[in-house]
């Protein structure tokens, strides 16, 4: 009861009720009676597929462009611009055969050189691509992106107009999914040469996906229409899609209720219960490829003691955090990786998963006493760093309350998200810091690589385990997927024993699906290309 009283006293503002972003304007008149009005988070910074970095941009680009592979209606992977592919026995050479009827939105043929130039542009350091790391498995990609090799050294070739051959540095079983990402999109070279940086403007942008860009009205909507030259244009049911920025989620829900928006891909966490009561099955929650965790500075005493880290983890009531703080929009996390990943065994769970909250608290007290801290001993003082949102603030306050019976005193340091993550990336001192990760591909590697000792970009807690690194290297060399899955499972067991990050919650996708929309299938990847949808 005390924990729930705490949350009740956090303030009447409501989680996510405030916004620093100007709310979207009311919808204007529909240009097309069968337009799909898609709530989409925020206006994109850019529609250059090689310079984007946000989910809102990715949603639009998934409709405008098509990679060598593509997502099906249920988020499954299948052929895209390529009709098929083969892989060499060592897993290092992938040969993609393009569809002979592939066309750009101006009618030009899509050819293999378009993909070669796309990869080179993405990895050219002059492009400044934020997602260049997606192509890291490609031979020489990292060296090219660092400027250590010329762009034509990238391991991608076009032996003929319909064949793309890609050489990899090491076996990469999730490589097919990387080929759906906007980082791997082709380039229409004539329009890029003609318009330069302005090639993404309406009227200039030539794309190869099911839709083409028609209009961009900042703070209002982006409009795309069916691409008449797309190879399956006759099977694309929705002729027009309007991507409506929805930075203020409470306002977006009101627009949905008024019939001005057909779907939302995010919801205010504090309103989920009331929304389920109000809209019933229109509220769709399903697991996502993401984790929220506390990153631990394992080089700082006493957090360098695994007993201390385990004690802090054991004392956390993850069910309470998921239900009371996050309004059931998150799931309790007892592993780093979420369930349902490709090429994986069911994830291991951290010790203490089967204990009751009181039993976990007793086990945590015992561990802390062994380390010289806890009730009746020296208090443990820690600082929690976080980026500022209502949900994050409430989560950190709740965690501090859960640690209080362990004689842990907690202080807080909060900044905006940009400052928070830059501080961690640049090596600023900390005790424990909020860390979240949304995976780019559905493979356990995309979570486990985060704490490899040489991952300077994300391993800010400076975890260094030779045994863990050796397992990750072994998995990288393994071409047998079942054997690889067992190796990665052992790596995660090591992670859960050491706890360089303390997993808290796994993300859930949060949707509102209007009565007009047909064909939406919730899936772990959270993708729903418009080409598979229809309107009643």
Protein backbone atom coordinates (compact mmCIF):
# COMPACT_ATOMS: atom_id res chain seq x y z
CA UNK A 1 0.00 0.00 0.00
CA UNK A 2 2.84 2.35 0.83
CA UNK A 3 4.15 2.12 -2.74
CA UNK A 4 0.79 2.94 -4.26
CA UNK A 5 0.34 5.85 -1.86
CA UNK A 6 3.72 7.13 -3.04
CA UNK A 7 2.61 7.15 -6.68
CA UNK A 8 -0.65 8.85 -5.78
CA UNK A 9 1.33 11.64 -4.18
CA UNK A 10 3.61 12.29 -7.14
CA UNK A 11 1.39 15.04 -8.41
CA UNK A 12 -1.87 15.58 -10.24
CA UNK A 13 -0.26 16.62 -13.50
CA UNK A 14 -0.63 13.11 -14.89
CA UNK A 15 2.03 11.10 -16.67
CA UNK A 16 2.69 12.57 -20.07
CA UNK A 17 -0.06 15.16 -19.70
CA UNK A 18 2.23 18.08 -20.45
CA UNK A 19 4.09 18.75 -23.67
CA UNK A 20 6.75 21.24 -24.65
CA UNK A 21 5.82 20.82 -28.30
CA UNK A 22 3.09 22.84 -29.97
CA UNK A 23 0.03 20.59 -30.39
CA UNK A 24 -0.91 19.57 -33.91
CA UNK A 25 -3.54 21.70 -35.62
CA UNK A 26 -6.99 20.36 -36.31
CA UNK A 27 -7.26 18.30 -39.45
CA UNK A 28 -8.05 20.18 -42.62
CA UNK A 29 -10.45 19.01 -45.30
CA UNK A 30 -9.66 15.62 -46.80
CA UNK A 31 -8.25 15.79 -50.29
CA UNK A 32 -9.21 12.19 -50.93
CA UNK A 33 -12.21 10.40 -49.38
CA UNK A 34 -10.11 7.26 -48.88
CA UNK A 35 -7.11 8.92 -47.23
CA UNK A 36 -5.61 7.05 -44.29
CA UNK A 37 -4.85 9.58 -41.53
CA UNK A 38 -1.96 8.05 -39.64
CA UNK A 39 -0.81 9.51 -36.32
CA UNK A 40 2.96 9.58 -36.47
CA UNK A 41 4.66 11.06 -33.44
CA UNK A 42 6.47 14.06 -34.86
CA UNK A 43 7.48 15.85 -38.03
CA UNK A 44 10.62 14.31 -39.51
CA UNK A 45 13.85 16.27 -39.45
CA UNK A 46 14.53 14.90 -42.92
CA UNK A 47 13.19 12.44 -45.49
CA UNK A 48 16.69 11.65 -46.72
CA UNK A 49 16.75 7.90 -45.92
CA UNK A 50 20.48 8.01 -45.25
CA UNK A 51 20.25 10.80 -42.69
CA UNK A 52 17.19 9.84 -40.64
CA UNK A 53 17.28 8.53 -37.09
CA UNK A 54 13.75 8.59 -35.60
CA UNK A 55 10.83 6.17 -35.56
CA UNK A 56 8.51 8.76 -37.12
CA UNK A 57 10.88 9.10 -40.07
CA UNK A 58 11.24 5.32 -40.39
CA UNK A 59 7.45 4.87 -40.59
CA UNK A 60 7.23 7.23 -43.56
CA UNK A 61 10.30 5.84 -45.32
CA UNK A 62 8.95 2.30 -44.98
CA UNK A 63 6.15 3.38 -47.34
CA UNK A 64 8.27 5.50 -49.68
CA UNK A 65 11.18 3.10 -50.16
CA UNK A 66 11.72 -0.63 -50.46
CA UNK A 67 14.95 -2.36 -49.52
CA UNK A 68 16.23 -5.68 -50.81
CA UNK A 69 13.95 -7.34 -48.24
CA UNK A 70 10.66 -6.06 -46.81
CA UNK A 71 8.13 -6.60 -44.01
CA UNK A 72 4.95 -8.55 -44.56
CA UNK A 73 1.55 -7.62 -43.09
CA UNK A 74 2.41 -9.37 -39.80
CA UNK A 75 5.94 -7.97 -39.52
CA UNK A 76 7.53 -11.11 -40.94
CA UNK A 77 10.51 -10.84 -43.28
CA UNK A 78 10.31 -11.57 -46.98
CA UNK A 79 11.45 -10.44 -50.42
CA UNK A 80 11.36 -6.74 -51.26
CA UNK A 81 13.08 -5.15 -54.22
CA UNK A 82 14.90 -8.48 -54.48
CA UNK A 83 12.80 -11.48 -55.45
CA UNK A 84 15.19 -13.80 -53.61
CA UNK A 85 18.74 -14.38 -52.40
CA UNK A 86 21.35 -17.03 -51.71
CA UNK A 87 24.06 -17.27 -49.08
CA UNK A 88 27.47 -18.91 -49.33
CA UNK A 89 28.30 -21.85 -47.08
CA UNK A 90 30.50 -19.67 -44.86
CA UNK A 91 27.77 -17.04 -44.50
CA UNK A 92 30.01 -14.28 -45.86
CA UNK A 93 28.58 -13.74 -49.36
CA UNK A 94 24.96 -12.81 -50.01
CA UNK A 95 23.67 -12.63 -53.58
CA UNK A 96 20.37 -10.79 -54.13
CA UNK A 97 18.43 -11.11 -57.38
CA UNK A 98 16.40 -7.98 -58.14
CA UNK A 99 12.88 -8.14 -59.53
CA UNK A 100 12.93 -7.36 -63.25
CA UNK A 101 9.77 -5.24 -62.88
CA UNK A 102 11.18 -2.98 -60.14
CA UNK A 103 10.55 0.68 -60.94
CA UNK A 104 11.19 4.09 -59.41
CA UNK A 105 8.22 6.39 -58.96
CA UNK A 106 9.13 8.21 -62.21
CA UNK A 107 9.13 4.93 -64.16
CA UNK A 108 12.91 4.36 -64.28
CA UNK A 109 14.07 0.80 -63.73
CA UNK A 110 15.51 -0.09 -60.32
CA UNK A 111 18.94 -1.59 -60.99
CA UNK A 112 21.71 -3.10 -58.89
CA UNK A 113 23.93 -0.01 -59.17
CA UNK A 114 21.22 1.97 -57.34
CA UNK A 115 21.82 -0.20 -54.28
CA UNK A 116 25.61 -0.06 -54.63
CA UNK A 117 25.49 3.75 -54.64
CA UNK A 118 23.01 3.72 -51.76
CA UNK A 119 25.39 1.70 -49.57
CA UNK A 120 28.33 3.90 -50.53
CA UNK A 121 26.43 7.11 -49.81
CA UNK A 122 25.24 5.76 -46.45
CA UNK A 123 28.78 4.89 -45.38
CA UNK A 124 30.51 7.93 -46.85
CA UNK A 125 31.58 10.00 -43.80
CA UNK A 126 30.64 13.14 -45.76
CA UNK A 127 26.98 12.05 -45.59
CA UNK A 128 26.99 12.15 -41.80
CA UNK A 129 24.60 9.20 -41.54
CA UNK A 130 23.41 8.59 -37.98
CA UNK A 131 22.57 4.96 -38.71
CA UNK A 132 25.73 3.96 -40.57
CA UNK A 133 26.32 1.31 -37.89
CA UNK A 134 23.40 -0.71 -39.31
CA UNK A 135 25.66 -1.63 -42.22
CA UNK A 136 28.62 -2.52 -39.99
CA UNK A 137 28.49 -6.24 -40.96
CA UNK A 138 29.34 -5.32 -44.59
CA UNK A 139 33.00 -5.80 -45.50
CA UNK A 140 35.05 -2.62 -44.97
CA UNK A 141 31.93 -0.67 -43.93
CA UNK A 142 33.37 0.58 -40.66
CA UNK A 143 36.72 1.50 -42.19
CA UNK A 144 34.98 3.43 -44.96
CA UNK A 145 32.72 5.21 -42.47
CA UNK A 146 35.78 6.24 -40.43
CA UNK A 147 37.40 7.65 -43.56
CA UNK A 148 40.17 5.05 -43.46
CA UNK A 149 39.20 3.58 -46.85
CA UNK A 150 37.56 5.02 -50.00
CA UNK A 151 33.82 4.52 -50.48
CA UNK A 152 34.31 2.15 -53.39
CA UNK A 153 35.97 -0.30 -50.97
CA UNK A 154 32.56 -1.15 -49.46
CA UNK A 155 31.88 -4.83 -50.06
CA UNK A 156 28.88 -4.34 -52.36
CA UNK A 157 29.00 -5.01 -56.11
CA UNK A 158 26.66 -5.14 -59.11
CA UNK A 159 27.94 -7.80 -61.54
CA UNK A 160 24.88 -7.19 -63.72
CA UNK A 161 21.82 -4.86 -63.59
CA UNK A 162 19.71 -7.34 -61.61
CA UNK A 163 22.29 -8.78 -59.19
CA UNK A 164 23.60 -7.29 -55.94
CA UNK A 165 26.45 -9.15 -54.25
CA UNK A 166 27.30 -8.21 -50.65
CA UNK A 167 30.41 -9.43 -48.82
CA UNK A 168 30.31 -9.52 -45.01
CA UNK A 169 33.00 -9.31 -42.36
CA UNK A 170 31.53 -12.26 -40.43
CA UNK A 171 28.41 -14.45 -40.53
CA UNK A 172 25.34 -12.32 -39.77
CA UNK A 173 22.14 -14.38 -39.54
CA UNK A 174 19.99 -11.27 -39.06
CA UNK A 175 21.35 -9.63 -42.22
CA UNK A 176 18.05 -10.05 -44.12
CA UNK A 177 16.33 -7.80 -41.59
CA UNK A 178 19.04 -5.14 -41.94
CA UNK A 179 18.09 -4.97 -45.62
CA UNK A 180 14.62 -3.65 -44.67
CA UNK A 181 16.15 -0.68 -42.84
CA UNK A 182 16.25 2.78 -44.40
CA UNK A 183 20.06 2.58 -44.12
CA UNK A 184 20.02 0.06 -46.97
CA UNK A 185 17.72 1.90 -49.39
CA UNK A 186 18.81 2.51 -52.99
CA UNK A 187 19.52 5.92 -54.46
CA UNK A 188 17.88 7.41 -57.57
CA UNK A 189 21.09 8.92 -58.84
CA UNK A 190 19.66 11.29 -61.52
CA UNK A 191 17.41 13.13 -59.05
CA UNK A 192 20.18 13.32 -56.44
CA UNK A 193 22.56 14.72 -59.08
CA UNK A 194 19.96 17.22 -60.29
CA UNK A 195 18.59 18.51 -56.98
CA UNK A 196 21.39 17.84 -54.49
CA UNK A 197 20.19 18.15 -50.89
CA UNK A 198 16.78 19.29 -52.19
CA UNK A 199 16.10 15.85 -53.68
CA UNK A 200 13.77 15.00 -50.75
CA UNK A 201 11.28 17.81 -51.47
CA UNK A 202 7.82 17.06 -52.86
CA UNK A 203 8.04 16.94 -56.63
CA UNK A 204 11.76 16.11 -56.45
CA UNK A 205 11.74 12.92 -54.40
CA UNK A 206 11.86 9.78 -56.54
CA UNK A 207 11.29 6.63 -54.47
CA UNK A 208 10.87 2.94 -55.18
CA UNK A 209 8.26 1.98 -52.56
CA UNK A 210 4.49 1.58 -52.66
CA UNK A 211 3.96 5.35 -52.17
CA UNK A 212 5.45 8.59 -53.43
CA UNK A 213 5.70 11.93 -51.67
CA UNK A 214 3.10 14.50 -52.70
CA UNK A 215 3.13 17.22 -50.03
CA UNK A 216 4.83 18.25 -46.78
CA UNK A 217 3.03 20.80 -44.57
CA UNK A 218 5.12 21.29 -41.40
CA UNK A 219 3.22 20.82 -38.13
CA UNK A 220 0.21 19.59 -40.08
CA UNK A 221 0.80 16.51 -42.25
CA UNK A 222 2.90 14.76 -44.84
CA UNK A 223 0.92 13.37 -47.76
CA UNK A 224 1.93 10.40 -49.87
CA UNK A 225 -0.02 8.85 -52.73
CA UNK A 226 0.08 5.41 -54.31
CA UNK A 227 3.07 4.98 -56.60
CA UNK A 228 1.60 4.03 -60.01
CA UNK A 229 4.91 2.46 -61.07
CA UNK A 230 5.23 0.22 -58.02
CA UNK A 231 5.37 -3.42 -59.06
CA UNK A 232 2.20 -4.30 -57.11
CA UNK A 233 0.38 -0.98 -57.35
CA UNK A 234 -2.85 -2.77 -58.22
CA UNK A 235 -2.79 -4.53 -54.85
CA UNK A 236 -2.15 -1.37 -52.79
CA UNK A 237 -5.62 -0.67 -51.40
CA UNK A 238 -5.15 2.78 -49.82
CA UNK A 239 -4.60 5.48 -52.47
CA UNK A 240 -3.41 8.19 -50.07
CA UNK A 241 -1.83 8.30 -46.60
CA UNK A 242 -1.45 11.39 -44.43
CA UNK A 243 1.17 11.18 -41.69
CA UNK A 244 -0.05 13.51 -38.95
CA UNK A 245 2.44 14.62 -36.26
CA UNK A 246 1.13 13.82 -32.78
CA UNK A 247 3.69 15.14 -30.26
CA UNK A 248 0.92 15.85 -27.72
CA UNK A 249 -0.51 12.39 -27.09
CA UNK A 250 -3.47 13.61 -25.04
CA UNK A 251 -4.46 15.92 -27.90
CA UNK A 252 -3.93 13.09 -30.37
CA UNK A 253 -6.38 10.90 -28.45
CA UNK A 254 -8.98 13.67 -28.62
CA UNK A 255 -8.48 13.90 -32.38
CA UNK A 256 -8.84 10.13 -32.67
CA UNK A 257 -12.09 10.26 -30.69
CA UNK A 258 -13.34 13.00 -33.02
CA UNK A 259 -12.63 10.84 -36.08
CA UNK A 260 -9.80 13.08 -37.34
CA UNK A 261 -7.11 10.37 -37.04
CA UNK A 262 -7.48 6.70 -37.97
CA UNK A 263 -4.66 5.24 -35.89
CA UNK A 264 -2.08 6.12 -33.26
CA UNK A 265 1.20 4.30 -32.62
CA UNK A 266 1.70 5.69 -29.12
CA UNK A 267 -0.56 6.49 -26.17
CA UNK A 268 -0.26 8.49 -22.95
CA UNK A 269 0.68 5.91 -20.32
CA UNK A 270 -1.47 7.46 -17.59
CA UNK A 271 -4.60 7.17 -19.76
CA UNK A 272 -4.32 3.55 -20.91
CA UNK A 273 -6.79 2.13 -18.39
CA UNK A 274 -9.38 4.77 -19.17
CA UNK A 275 -8.74 4.41 -22.90
CA UNK A 276 -9.34 0.65 -22.68
CA UNK A 277 -12.58 1.33 -20.87
CA UNK A 278 -13.57 3.95 -23.42
CA UNK A 279 -12.43 2.38 -26.69
CA UNK A 280 -12.33 -1.33 -25.85
CA UNK A 281 -10.56 -3.47 -28.45
CA UNK A 282 -9.42 -0.36 -30.34
CA UNK A 283 -6.60 -0.19 -27.75
CA UNK A 284 -3.95 -2.73 -28.77
CA UNK A 285 -0.97 -3.47 -26.53
CA UNK A 286 1.65 -6.00 -27.58
CA UNK A 287 5.28 -6.79 -26.71
CA UNK A 288 8.02 -4.74 -28.34
CA UNK A 289 11.74 -5.06 -29.03
CA UNK A 290 12.88 -2.82 -26.21
CA UNK A 291 14.23 -2.74 -22.68
CA UNK A 292 14.38 -0.09 -19.95
CA UNK A 293 17.26 -0.62 -17.52
CA UNK A 294 19.58 0.97 -15.00
CA UNK A 295 23.13 1.10 -16.32
CA UNK A 296 25.62 0.57 -13.49
CA UNK A 297 29.06 2.14 -13.26
CA UNK A 298 30.83 -1.11 -12.42
CA UNK A 299 34.18 0.63 -11.91
CA UNK A 300 32.94 2.67 -8.95
CA UNK A 301 32.93 1.30 -5.42
CA UNK A 302 30.85 -0.31 -4.03
CA UNK A 303 28.95 -0.84 -7.31
CA UNK A 304 31.92 -2.84 -8.57
CA UNK A 305 30.73 -5.57 -6.16
CA UNK A 306 28.27 -7.90 -7.93
CA UNK A 307 26.56 -8.59 -4.59
CA UNK A 308 25.58 -4.93 -4.34
CA UNK A 309 24.21 -4.90 -7.88
CA UNK A 310 22.24 -8.09 -7.29
CA UNK A 311 20.82 -6.71 -4.06
CA UNK A 312 19.64 -3.53 -5.76
CA UNK A 313 18.04 -5.62 -8.50
CA UNK A 314 16.35 -8.08 -6.14
CA UNK A 315 14.67 -5.27 -4.18
CA UNK A 316 12.83 -3.96 -7.25
CA UNK A 317 9.17 -4.87 -7.66
CA UNK A 318 8.98 -4.87 -11.45
CA UNK A 319 5.30 -5.81 -11.53
CA UNK A 320 4.54 -2.70 -9.48
CA UNK A 321 6.61 -0.51 -11.80
CA UNK A 322 4.87 -1.92 -14.89
CA UNK A 323 1.34 -1.64 -13.52
CA UNK A 324 1.31 1.36 -11.18
CA UNK A 325 3.92 3.62 -12.75
CA UNK A 326 3.56 2.73 -16.43
CA UNK A 327 -0.14 1.89 -16.53
CA UNK A 328 0.41 -1.60 -18.01
CA UNK A 329 2.17 -0.12 -21.05
CA UNK A 330 5.36 -1.96 -20.06
CA UNK A 331 6.15 -5.54 -19.01
CA UNK A 332 8.33 -6.67 -16.08
CA UNK A 333 11.86 -7.51 -17.28
CA UNK A 334 13.82 -10.37 -15.72
CA UNK A 335 16.22 -10.64 -18.65
CA UNK A 336 17.97 -8.22 -20.97
CA UNK A 337 16.47 -9.68 -24.14
CA UNK A 338 12.69 -9.79 -24.63
CA UNK A 339 10.92 -13.00 -25.55
CA UNK A 340 10.11 -13.83 -29.18
CA UNK A 341 13.40 -12.90 -30.87
CA UNK A 342 14.57 -14.69 -34.00
CA UNK A 343 17.49 -17.13 -33.86
CA UNK A 344 17.13 -17.40 -30.09
CA UNK A 345 16.19 -19.66 -27.20
CA UNK A 346 13.69 -18.32 -24.64
CA UNK A 347 15.78 -15.87 -22.58
CA UNK A 348 17.23 -16.90 -19.23
CA UNK A 349 15.86 -15.14 -16.16
CA UNK A 350 17.80 -13.48 -13.38
CA UNK A 351 18.15 -15.25 -10.03
CA UNK A 352 15.27 -14.55 -7.66
CA UNK A 353 12.60 -14.45 -10.37
CA UNK A 354 10.54 -17.13 -8.58
CA UNK A 355 10.64 -15.42 -5.15
CA UNK A 356 7.87 -13.26 -3.70
CA UNK A 357 8.58 -9.52 -3.27
CA UNK A 358 9.18 -9.99 0.47
CA UNK A 359 11.51 -12.94 -0.14
CA UNK A 360 13.44 -10.90 -2.68
CA UNK A 361 13.77 -8.06 -0.19
CA UNK A 362 15.15 -10.45 2.45
CA UNK A 363 17.63 -11.89 -0.07
CA UNK A 364 18.69 -8.36 -1.03
CA UNK A 365 19.29 -7.40 2.62
CA UNK A 366 21.42 -10.52 3.11
CA UNK A 367 23.56 -9.75 0.05
CA UNK A 368 24.10 -6.14 1.10
CA UNK A 369 25.13 -7.20 4.60
CA UNK A 370 27.69 -9.57 3.10
CA UNK A 371 29.09 -6.56 1.23
CA UNK A 372 29.16 -4.44 4.40
CA UNK A 373 26.02 -2.37 3.82
CA UNK A 374 22.33 -2.50 4.59
CA UNK A 375 20.07 -2.35 7.69
CA UNK A 376 22.10 -2.22 10.87
CA UNK A 377 25.25 -1.58 8.87
CA UNK A 378 26.70 1.23 6.80
CA UNK A 379 24.12 2.97 4.58
CA UNK A 380 24.59 2.77 0.83
CA UNK A 381 24.35 6.12 -0.97
CA UNK A 382 23.72 6.12 -4.72
CA UNK A 383 22.75 8.66 -7.35
CA UNK A 384 20.21 7.92 -10.08
CA UNK A 385 20.65 9.82 -13.34
CA UNK A 386 17.75 10.09 -15.76
CA UNK A 387 16.36 12.10 -18.62
CA UNK A 388 13.31 14.13 -17.71
CA UNK A 389 9.81 12.84 -18.40
CA UNK A 390 6.93 12.31 -15.99
CA UNK A 391 7.18 8.53 -16.35
CA UNK A 392 10.94 8.55 -15.79
CA UNK A 393 10.64 10.80 -12.75
CA UNK A 394 7.96 8.60 -11.22
CA UNK A 395 9.99 5.47 -11.98
CA UNK A 396 13.10 6.80 -10.25
CA UNK A 397 11.14 7.97 -7.19
CA UNK A 398 9.49 4.55 -6.95
CA UNK A 399 12.87 2.80 -7.22
CA UNK A 400 14.29 4.95 -4.42
CA UNK A 401 11.31 4.01 -2.27
CA UNK A 402 11.79 0.31 -2.99
CA UNK A 403 15.45 0.59 -1.96
CA UNK A 404 14.74 2.40 1.31
CA UNK A 405 14.25 -0.79 3.40
CA UNK A 406 17.80 -1.79 2.37
CA UNK A 407 19.20 1.34 4.05
CA UNK A 408 19.93 2.83 0.64
CA UNK A 409 19.75 6.61 0.33
CA UNK A 410 19.12 7.86 -3.19
CA UNK A 411 19.78 11.21 -4.81
CA UNK A 412 18.74 12.25 -8.32
CA UNK A 413 20.28 14.00 -11.31
CA UNK A 414 17.90 14.81 -14.17
CA UNK A 415 18.50 16.50 -17.51
CA UNK A 416 16.87 16.57 -20.94
CA UNK A 417 17.31 13.46 -23.08
CA UNK A 418 19.95 14.93 -25.39
CA UNK A 419 22.13 16.01 -22.46
CA UNK A 420 21.58 12.76 -20.56
CA UNK A 421 22.70 10.42 -23.32
CA UNK A 422 25.55 12.70 -24.41
CA UNK A 423 26.77 12.76 -20.79
CA UNK A 424 26.87 8.96 -20.69
CA UNK A 425 28.42 8.65 -24.13
CA UNK A 426 31.14 11.19 -23.26
CA UNK A 427 32.16 9.33 -20.10
CA UNK A 428 30.66 11.55 -17.41
CA UNK A 429 30.86 10.11 -13.87
CA UNK A 430 27.71 8.41 -12.53
CA UNK A 431 26.46 5.68 -10.20
CA UNK A 432 23.36 4.33 -11.93
CA UNK A 433 21.74 5.81 -15.01
CA UNK A 434 18.54 5.23 -16.92
CA UNK A 435 19.19 3.45 -20.20
CA UNK A 436 16.66 2.36 -22.80
CA UNK A 437 17.18 0.43 -25.99
CA UNK A 438 14.82 -0.22 -28.89
CA UNK A 439 16.34 -2.89 -31.13
CA UNK A 440 16.96 -2.40 -34.83
CA UNK A 441 16.60 -6.10 -35.59
CA UNK A 442 14.93 -9.04 -33.84
CA UNK A 443 18.05 -10.94 -32.79
CA UNK A 444 19.56 -11.31 -29.29
CA UNK A 445 22.84 -9.89 -30.59
CA UNK A 446 21.22 -6.45 -30.87
CA UNK A 447 20.85 -6.40 -27.08
CA UNK A 448 23.87 -8.39 -25.94
CA UNK A 449 26.40 -6.37 -27.97
CA UNK A 450 25.56 -3.32 -25.85
CA UNK A 451 27.85 -4.43 -23.01
CA UNK A 452 30.78 -5.80 -24.97
CA UNK A 453 33.94 -4.28 -23.52
CA UNK A 454 34.85 -2.45 -26.74
CA UNK A 455 31.41 -0.90 -27.28
CA UNK A 456 32.36 2.67 -26.39
CA UNK A 457 29.09 4.06 -27.70
CA UNK A 458 26.77 2.26 -25.27
CA UNK A 459 28.85 0.53 -22.56
CA UNK A 460 29.22 3.68 -20.49
CA UNK A 461 29.38 1.65 -17.26
CA UNK A 462 32.68 0.18 -18.54
CA UNK A 463 31.70 -3.46 -18.00
CA UNK A 464 34.58 -5.68 -19.14
CA UNK A 465 34.24 -9.45 -18.92
CA UNK A 466 36.75 -11.53 -20.93
CA UNK A 467 34.43 -14.54 -20.63
CA UNK A 468 31.46 -12.55 -21.96
CA UNK A 469 33.48 -11.08 -24.84
CA UNK A 470 34.78 -14.55 -25.73
CA UNK A 471 31.23 -15.92 -25.97
CA UNK A 472 30.17 -13.01 -28.18
CA UNK A 473 33.14 -13.63 -30.49
CA UNK A 474 32.34 -17.34 -30.57
CA UNK A 475 28.71 -16.58 -31.49
CA UNK A 476 29.89 -14.24 -34.27
CA UNK A 477 31.86 -17.07 -35.88
CA UNK A 478 29.15 -19.72 -35.53
CA UNK A 479 27.12 -20.45 -38.65
CA UNK A 480 24.86 -23.10 -37.08
CA UNK A 481 21.90 -21.07 -35.78
CA UNK A 482 20.97 -23.49 -33.00
CA UNK A 483 24.53 -23.60 -31.72
CA UNK A 484 24.75 -19.81 -31.96
CA UNK A 485 21.52 -19.45 -29.95
CA UNK A 486 22.98 -21.61 -27.17
CA UNK A 487 26.16 -19.53 -27.07
CA UNK A 488 24.20 -16.27 -26.81
CA UNK A 489 22.05 -17.82 -24.07
CA UNK A 490 25.21 -18.54 -22.07
CA UNK A 491 26.36 -14.96 -22.64
CA UNK A 492 23.11 -13.63 -21.24
CA UNK A 493 23.39 -15.94 -18.23
CA UNK A 494 26.76 -14.30 -17.53
CA UNK A 495 25.18 -10.89 -17.96
CA UNK A 496 22.42 -11.72 -15.46
CA UNK A 497 24.95 -12.98 -12.94
CA UNK A 498 27.07 -9.83 -13.25
CA UNK A 499 24.25 -7.29 -13.86
CA UNK A 500 26.23 -4.46 -15.48
CA UNK A 501 22.75 -3.25 -16.40
CA UNK A 502 19.76 -3.92 -14.15
CA UNK A 503 16.82 -4.69 -16.47
CA UNK A 504 13.60 -3.10 -15.25
CA UNK A 505 10.93 -3.31 -17.92
CA UNK A 506 10.36 -4.47 -21.46
CA UNK A 507 8.49 -2.17 -23.78
CA UNK A 508 5.06 -2.72 -25.26
CA UNK A 509 3.72 -1.24 -28.46
CA UNK A 510 0.69 0.96 -27.79
CA UNK A 511 -1.86 1.46 -30.57
CA UNK A 512 -5.28 2.97 -31.10
CA UNK A 513 -6.88 1.45 -34.20
CA UNK A 514 -9.95 3.22 -35.61
CA UNK A 515 -13.03 1.47 -37.01
CA UNK A 516 -12.16 2.31 -40.65
CA UNK A 517 -8.76 0.62 -40.64
CA UNK A 518 -8.47 -2.97 -41.80
CA UNK A 519 -5.50 -5.35 -41.94
CA UNK A 520 -3.55 -4.14 -38.91
CA UNK A 521 -1.61 -7.01 -37.30
CA UNK A 522 0.21 -6.32 -34.01
CA UNK A 523 3.76 -7.67 -34.05
CA UNK A 524 6.96 -7.63 -32.06
CA UNK A 525 8.71 -5.32 -34.54
CA UNK A 526 5.89 -2.77 -34.42
CA UNK A 527 5.85 -2.33 -38.20
CA UNK A 528 2.71 -1.98 -40.29
CA UNK A 529 3.47 -0.81 -43.85
CA UNK A 530 0.50 1.02 -45.35
CA UNK A 531 0.61 -1.16 -48.49
CA UNK A 532 -0.90 -4.04 -46.48
CA UNK A 533 -3.75 -2.01 -44.96
CA UNK A 534 -7.17 -0.99 -46.26
CA UNK A 535 -10.04 1.27 -45.23
CA UNK A 536 -13.62 0.17 -44.71
